Amino acid sequence: MKNKQVIVIMDPMFVLTFGYGNCTGISIVLFNALRAAGIPARLAGTSAWNDNPDNGNHSWIEFYRSDHKWHIMESLPASGG
């Protein structure tokens, strides 16, 4: 079964304008905000969520904190409503 929740909204301007997007679009906005604030960050993701291509892909942010470790930050699912 294909994931029906995924929408193709990866443009940061759309996310900022309308307040929602897919995990990649929101992650790109978060990534840029962290980097603009001087916080080391990287965009991470997988092309097959839970090793199942039918689940689609997923993106998230990893950021580096003063405890000298990378931490994960997830975005909320797209609502569009």
Protein backbone atom coordinates (compact mmCIF):
# COMPACT_ATOMS: atom_id res chain seq x y z
CA MET A 1 0.00 0.00 0.00
CA LYS A 2 1.39 3.37 -0.98
CA ASN A 3 1.65 6.11 1.61
CA LYS A 4 -1.26 8.48 0.88
CA GLN A 5 0.00 11.22 3.23
CA VAL A 6 3.09 12.19 1.23
CA ILE A 7 2.71 15.35 -0.80
CA VAL A 8 5.36 16.85 -3.04
CA ILE A 9 5.96 20.15 -1.28
CA MET A 10 9.69 20.63 -0.87
CA ASP A 11 9.93 24.32 -1.69
CA PRO A 12 10.90 26.29 1.44
CA MET A 13 8.95 29.37 0.28
CA PHE A 14 5.76 27.28 0.03
CA VAL A 15 6.33 25.88 3.54
CA LEU A 16 6.82 29.40 4.94
CA THR A 17 3.88 30.84 3.01
CA PHE A 18 1.30 28.14 3.69
CA GLY A 19 2.66 26.69 6.95
CA TYR A 20 2.89 23.06 5.90
CA GLY A 21 4.79 20.72 3.61
CA ASN A 22 6.24 17.27 3.42
CA CYS A 23 9.06 16.09 5.66
CA THR A 24 11.68 17.16 3.12
CA GLY A 25 10.31 20.68 2.68
CA ILE A 26 10.04 21.27 6.42
CA SER A 27 13.46 19.73 7.03
CA ILE A 28 15.02 22.09 4.46
CA VAL A 29 13.50 25.08 6.29
CA LEU A 30 14.72 23.80 9.67
CA PHE A 31 18.17 23.03 8.26
CA ASN A 32 18.55 26.55 6.88
CA ALA A 33 17.28 28.17 10.09
CA LEU A 34 19.75 26.22 12.22
CA ARG A 35 22.64 27.01 9.89
CA ALA A 36 21.67 30.70 9.82
CA ALA A 37 21.80 30.70 13.62
CA GLY A 38 25.31 29.24 13.51
CA ILE A 39 24.29 25.75 14.62
CA PRO A 40 25.96 22.93 12.67
CA ALA A 41 23.22 20.94 10.93
CA ARG A 42 22.78 18.40 8.18
CA LEU A 43 19.86 17.05 6.20
CA ALA A 44 19.46 13.28 6.48
CA GLY A 45 17.03 10.87 4.91
CA THR A 46 16.22 7.51 3.45
CA SER A 47 14.70 6.49 0.15
CA ALA A 48 12.81 3.56 1.71
CA TRP A 49 11.28 4.26 5.12
CA ASN A 50 11.57 1.18 7.38
CA ASP A 51 13.38 -0.59 4.51
CA ASN A 52 10.13 -0.73 2.54
CA PRO A 53 10.01 1.27 -0.74
CA ASP A 54 6.19 1.26 -0.59
CA ASN A 55 6.43 3.44 2.54
CA GLY A 56 8.13 6.18 0.54
CA ASN A 57 11.08 8.27 1.60
CA HIS A 58 11.65 10.30 4.74
CA SER A 59 13.83 13.28 5.67
CA TRP A 60 14.94 14.69 9.00
CA ILE A 61 17.52 17.08 10.46
CA GLU A 62 20.58 16.26 12.51
CA PHE A 63 22.18 19.07 14.48
CA TYR A 64 25.34 19.29 16.58
CA ARG A 65 25.05 20.51 20.16
CA SER A 66 27.51 21.66 22.78
CA ASP A 67 27.51 18.14 24.28
CA HIS A 68 29.56 17.19 21.17
CA LYS A 69 26.91 14.84 19.80
CA TRP A 70 24.63 14.87 16.77
CA HIS A 71 20.92 15.00 17.66
CA ILE A 72 17.87 14.25 15.51
CA MET A 73 15.04 16.74 14.91
CA GLU A 74 11.84 15.54 13.21
CA SER A 75 9.25 17.65 11.47
CA LEU A 76 5.52 17.27 11.94
CA PRO A 77 3.55 15.47 9.21
CA ALA A 78 1.99 17.57 6.47
CA SER A 79 -1.60 18.58 7.08
CA GLY A 80 -2.45 20.97 4.28
CA GLY A 81 -5.67 21.78 5.98
